[in-house]
Amino acid sequence: MTVDGDRLADGLLDGDVWAGVRDMSPLLFGIVPFALVAGIASVDAGLGLVEAVGMSVIVFAGASQLAALDLIESNAPLAVVVGTAIVINLRVVMYSASIAPHFAEYGRRFRAGLAYLLTDQAYALSVAEFEANPERSRWRYYAGAGAALWVVWQVGTVVGVVVGASVPDAWGLTFAVPLVFLALLVPAMKDRPTTAAGVAGGTVAVVAGGFPLNLGLLTGAVSGVVVGLLTEVVGE
């Protein structure tokens, strides 16, 4: 099944799209300072407006962008920068595999376009909505949620680049980053395996925060998956 241009245009005016935008809206309050931090980090790393916005559009992944920018500022080798960004984003492969069955009826090119909008927030909201409301148009809801975040992320990045280092540290913008992910994590901890995975993953990630090449996040993610699986197996 494919989606042509006319159907796509009509679909973007559908109520399911705006439902995705609506559900994403509360999370955008945390995304704004996150995007500002990414923009400011771009300035600190020596990137200009065009380079910073280009990176934000192409990469479109907050955690890996911040890690890559930190490495760029430290004059790390390009291979290390790219490798770190890829490793941190490996979790998206799991998201993709999980959400793919919901879009299996659409053409490959259309699914590739949807994949560009895949983020932690869009994934978490979409899979929860698909389960709660099976009658929902899945691609429309997902596109609305993902596009809303994309727009706010790009605008926030531009603003961050423009204001640069003029934002005082006392504002504590970096504190908004973990809050965004906590807002997604806590509702997902519905049973013993997911709770164990969340607690273990978060604890290990914090303890391993000083690992070289920003591998603390990956270590925490792997630990969370392992603990979650073991808890589920033992509980059977």
Protein backbone atom coordinates (compact mmCIF):
# COMPACT_ATOMS: atom_id res chain seq x y z
CA MET A 1 0.00 0.00 0.00
CA THR A 2 1.33 3.45 -0.88
CA VAL A 3 0.31 6.99 0.03
CA ASP A 4 0.36 9.48 -2.86
CA GLY A 5 0.80 13.23 -2.61
CA ASP A 6 -2.90 14.11 -2.59
CA ARG A 7 -3.71 11.57 0.09
CA LEU A 8 -0.75 12.72 2.11
CA ALA A 9 -1.89 16.35 1.94
CA ASP A 10 -5.43 15.37 2.96
CA GLY A 11 -4.09 13.16 5.71
CA LEU A 12 -2.10 15.95 7.30
CA LEU A 13 -5.35 17.86 7.86
CA ASP A 14 -6.95 14.87 9.56
CA GLY A 15 -8.03 14.92 13.21
CA ASP A 16 -5.70 12.04 14.01
CA VAL A 17 -2.74 14.26 13.07
CA TRP A 18 -3.84 16.93 15.49
CA ALA A 19 -4.36 14.28 18.15
CA GLY A 20 -0.67 13.44 17.79
CA VAL A 21 0.25 17.12 18.02
CA ARG A 22 -1.96 17.52 21.09
CA ASP A 23 -0.48 14.54 22.92
CA MET A 24 3.06 15.64 22.10
CA SER A 25 2.45 19.23 23.28
CA PRO A 26 3.10 18.66 27.03
CA LEU A 27 6.49 17.11 26.23
CA LEU A 28 7.47 20.06 24.06
CA PHE A 29 7.93 22.22 27.17
CA GLY A 30 10.88 20.01 28.01
CA ILE A 31 12.10 19.83 24.41
CA VAL A 32 12.46 23.62 24.13
CA PRO A 33 15.31 23.98 26.66
CA PHE A 34 16.80 20.72 25.33
CA ALA A 35 16.95 22.26 21.84
CA LEU A 36 18.34 25.51 23.23
CA VAL A 37 21.12 23.55 24.92
CA ALA A 38 21.91 21.80 21.61
CA GLY A 39 22.12 25.17 19.87
CA ILE A 40 24.33 26.65 22.56
CA ALA A 41 26.54 23.54 22.51
CA SER A 42 26.93 24.01 18.76
CA VAL A 43 28.28 27.51 19.33
CA ASP A 44 30.64 26.25 22.03
CA ALA A 45 31.89 23.59 19.59
CA GLY A 46 32.70 26.28 17.02
CA LEU A 47 29.85 25.61 14.59
CA GLY A 48 28.17 28.44 12.72
CA LEU A 49 24.43 28.80 12.18
CA VAL A 50 24.39 26.87 8.89
CA GLU A 51 26.49 23.99 10.27
CA ALA A 52 24.49 23.81 13.49
CA VAL A 53 21.11 23.81 11.77
CA GLY A 54 22.37 21.35 9.15
CA MET A 55 23.49 18.97 11.87
CA SER A 56 20.19 19.36 13.69
CA VAL A 57 18.17 18.62 10.55
CA ILE A 58 20.27 15.68 9.39
CA VAL A 59 20.94 14.01 12.73
CA PHE A 60 17.72 15.01 14.56
CA ALA A 61 18.69 13.14 17.73
CA GLY A 62 19.22 15.14 20.90
CA ALA A 63 21.34 12.79 23.00
CA SER A 64 23.70 11.87 20.19
CA GLN A 65 23.92 15.48 19.01
CA LEU A 66 25.02 16.68 22.44
CA ALA A 67 27.54 13.85 22.75
CA ALA A 68 28.91 14.52 19.28
CA LEU A 69 29.16 18.27 19.93
CA ASP A 70 31.03 17.63 23.16
CA LEU A 71 33.52 15.47 21.27
CA ILE A 72 33.85 18.06 18.49
CA GLU A 73 34.62 20.72 21.10
CA SER A 74 37.27 18.37 22.52
CA ASN A 75 38.83 17.95 19.04
CA ALA A 76 38.10 14.24 18.99
CA PRO A 77 38.73 12.32 15.74
CA LEU A 78 35.84 12.31 13.27
CA ALA A 79 35.55 8.53 13.51
CA VAL A 80 35.05 8.78 17.26
CA VAL A 81 32.40 11.49 16.86
CA VAL A 82 30.43 9.52 14.26
CA GLY A 83 30.88 6.22 16.08
CA THR A 84 29.63 7.66 19.36
CA ALA A 85 26.54 9.15 17.71
CA ILE A 86 25.75 5.81 16.07
CA VAL A 87 26.23 3.83 19.27
CA ILE A 88 23.98 6.16 21.28
CA ASN A 89 21.29 5.93 18.60
CA LEU A 90 21.31 2.12 18.46
CA ARG A 91 18.23 2.16 20.66
CA VAL A 92 16.32 3.56 17.67
CA VAL A 93 16.84 0.23 15.92
CA MET A 94 14.79 -1.41 18.67
CA TYR A 95 12.14 1.30 18.40
CA SER A 96 12.00 0.76 14.64
CA ALA A 97 11.63 -2.99 14.93
CA SER A 98 8.87 -2.54 17.49
CA ILE A 99 6.82 0.02 15.61
CA ALA A 100 7.39 -1.34 12.08
CA PRO A 101 4.45 -3.81 12.12
CA HIS A 102 2.07 -0.89 12.58
CA PHE A 103 3.19 0.58 9.23
CA ALA A 104 3.74 -2.68 7.31
CA GLU A 105 0.89 -1.96 4.87
CA TYR A 106 2.55 1.17 3.46
CA GLY A 107 5.16 1.44 0.73
CA ARG A 108 8.89 1.40 1.46
CA ARG A 109 9.50 5.05 0.55
CA PHE A 110 6.64 6.23 2.73
CA ARG A 111 7.91 4.16 5.65
CA ALA A 112 11.37 5.63 5.13
CA GLY A 113 9.88 9.10 5.48
CA LEU A 114 8.12 8.09 8.69
CA ALA A 115 11.39 6.65 10.00
CA TYR A 116 13.00 10.09 9.85
CA LEU A 117 10.55 11.32 12.52
CA LEU A 118 11.27 8.42 14.90
CA THR A 119 12.31 9.71 18.33
CA ASP A 120 11.97 8.49 21.91
CA GLN A 121 8.93 10.69 22.43
CA ALA A 122 7.17 9.91 19.14
CA TYR A 123 7.73 6.20 19.65
CA ALA A 124 6.50 6.11 23.26
CA LEU A 125 3.37 8.15 22.54
CA SER A 126 2.52 6.27 19.35
CA VAL A 127 2.79 2.69 20.61
CA ALA A 128 0.74 3.62 23.67
CA GLU A 129 -1.93 5.28 21.50
CA PHE A 130 -2.02 2.37 19.02
CA GLU A 131 -2.71 -0.01 21.90
CA ALA A 132 -5.33 2.20 23.55
CA ASN A 133 -7.13 3.27 20.35
CA PRO A 134 -6.83 0.63 17.59
CA GLU A 135 -9.16 2.65 15.34
CA ARG A 136 -6.69 5.54 15.21
CA SER A 137 -4.98 6.24 11.86
CA ARG A 138 -1.52 5.18 12.89
CA TRP A 139 0.62 7.01 10.37
CA ARG A 140 -1.35 10.25 10.82
CA TYR A 141 -1.09 10.19 14.60
CA TYR A 142 2.61 9.30 14.48
CA ALA A 143 3.32 11.98 11.85
CA GLY A 144 1.54 14.62 13.92
CA ALA A 145 3.49 13.76 17.06
CA GLY A 146 6.82 13.46 15.26
CA ALA A 147 6.43 16.59 13.14
CA ALA A 148 5.45 18.71 16.15
CA LEU A 149 8.64 17.71 17.93
CA TRP A 150 10.71 18.25 14.78
CA VAL A 151 9.51 21.82 14.32
CA VAL A 152 10.11 22.76 17.96
CA TRP A 153 13.53 21.10 17.91
CA GLN A 154 14.70 22.98 14.82
CA VAL A 155 13.37 26.35 16.00
CA GLY A 156 14.87 25.83 19.45
CA THR A 157 18.23 24.92 17.96
CA VAL A 158 18.27 28.09 15.85
CA VAL A 159 17.38 30.21 18.87
CA GLY A 160 20.11 28.48 20.89
CA VAL A 161 22.69 29.23 18.21
CA VAL A 162 21.62 32.87 17.98
CA VAL A 163 21.60 33.59 21.71
CA GLY A 164 24.70 31.43 22.23
CA ALA A 165 26.52 31.79 25.50
CA SER A 166 24.40 34.77 26.57
CA VAL A 167 22.06 32.38 28.41
CA PRO A 168 23.20 32.32 32.06
CA ASP A 169 24.06 28.97 33.66
CA ALA A 170 21.73 29.89 36.54
CA TRP A 171 18.75 29.16 34.28
CA GLY A 172 19.61 25.46 34.52
CA LEU A 173 18.50 24.59 30.98
CA THR A 174 20.50 21.36 30.98
CA PHE A 175 18.30 20.07 33.82
CA ALA A 176 15.37 19.89 31.38
CA VAL A 177 17.05 17.11 29.38
CA PRO A 178 16.69 14.29 31.96
CA LEU A 179 13.21 15.55 32.87
CA VAL A 180 12.01 14.90 29.31
CA PHE A 181 13.19 11.31 29.42
CA LEU A 182 11.83 10.77 32.94
CA ALA A 183 8.41 11.92 31.71
CA LEU A 184 8.53 9.07 29.18
CA LEU A 185 10.12 6.47 31.44
CA VAL A 186 7.91 6.61 34.54
CA PRO A 187 4.54 5.90 32.79
CA ALA A 188 6.15 2.95 30.96
CA MET A 189 7.16 1.23 34.21
CA LYS A 190 3.92 -0.72 34.50
CA ASP A 191 5.18 -4.09 35.79
CA ARG A 192 8.17 -5.76 37.47
CA PRO A 193 10.30 -6.29 34.33
CA THR A 194 9.90 -2.74 33.01
CA THR A 195 10.39 -1.25 36.47
CA ALA A 196 13.52 -3.33 37.05
CA ALA A 197 14.83 -2.40 33.60
CA GLY A 198 14.23 1.31 34.20
CA VAL A 199 15.84 1.36 37.63
CA ALA A 200 18.83 -0.75 36.58
CA GLY A 201 19.39 1.12 33.33
CA GLY A 202 19.19 4.53 34.99
CA THR A 203 21.46 3.55 37.86
CA VAL A 204 24.13 2.03 35.63
CA ALA A 205 24.00 4.99 33.23
CA VAL A 206 24.63 7.40 36.11
CA VAL A 207 27.44 5.33 37.59
CA ALA A 208 29.01 4.85 34.15
CA GLY A 209 28.66 8.53 33.25
CA GLY A 210 32.43 8.97 33.23
CA PHE A 211 33.12 6.15 30.77
CA PRO A 212 35.23 7.16 27.77
CA LEU A 213 33.62 7.96 24.42
CA ASN A 214 30.28 8.60 26.16
CA LEU A 215 29.64 4.88 26.49
CA GLY A 216 27.87 5.28 29.83
CA LEU A 217 24.48 5.68 28.13
CA LEU A 218 24.94 2.55 26.04
CA THR A 219 26.13 0.58 29.07
CA GLY A 220 23.05 1.67 31.01
CA ALA A 221 20.73 0.77 28.14
CA VAL A 222 22.21 -2.70 27.72
CA SER A 223 22.11 -3.28 31.48
CA GLY A 224 18.47 -2.26 31.61
CA VAL A 225 17.52 -4.65 28.81
CA VAL A 226 19.39 -7.55 30.43
CA VAL A 227 17.89 -6.93 33.88
CA GLY A 228 14.41 -6.58 32.39
CA LEU A 229 14.72 -9.85 30.50
CA LEU A 230 16.11 -11.70 33.52
CA THR A 231 13.31 -10.37 35.72
CA GLU A 232 10.70 -11.51 33.22
CA VAL A 233 12.25 -14.99 32.88
CA VAL A 234 12.59 -15.48 36.64
CA GLY A 235 9.03 -14.29 37.20
CA GLU A 236 7.55 -16.90 34.83
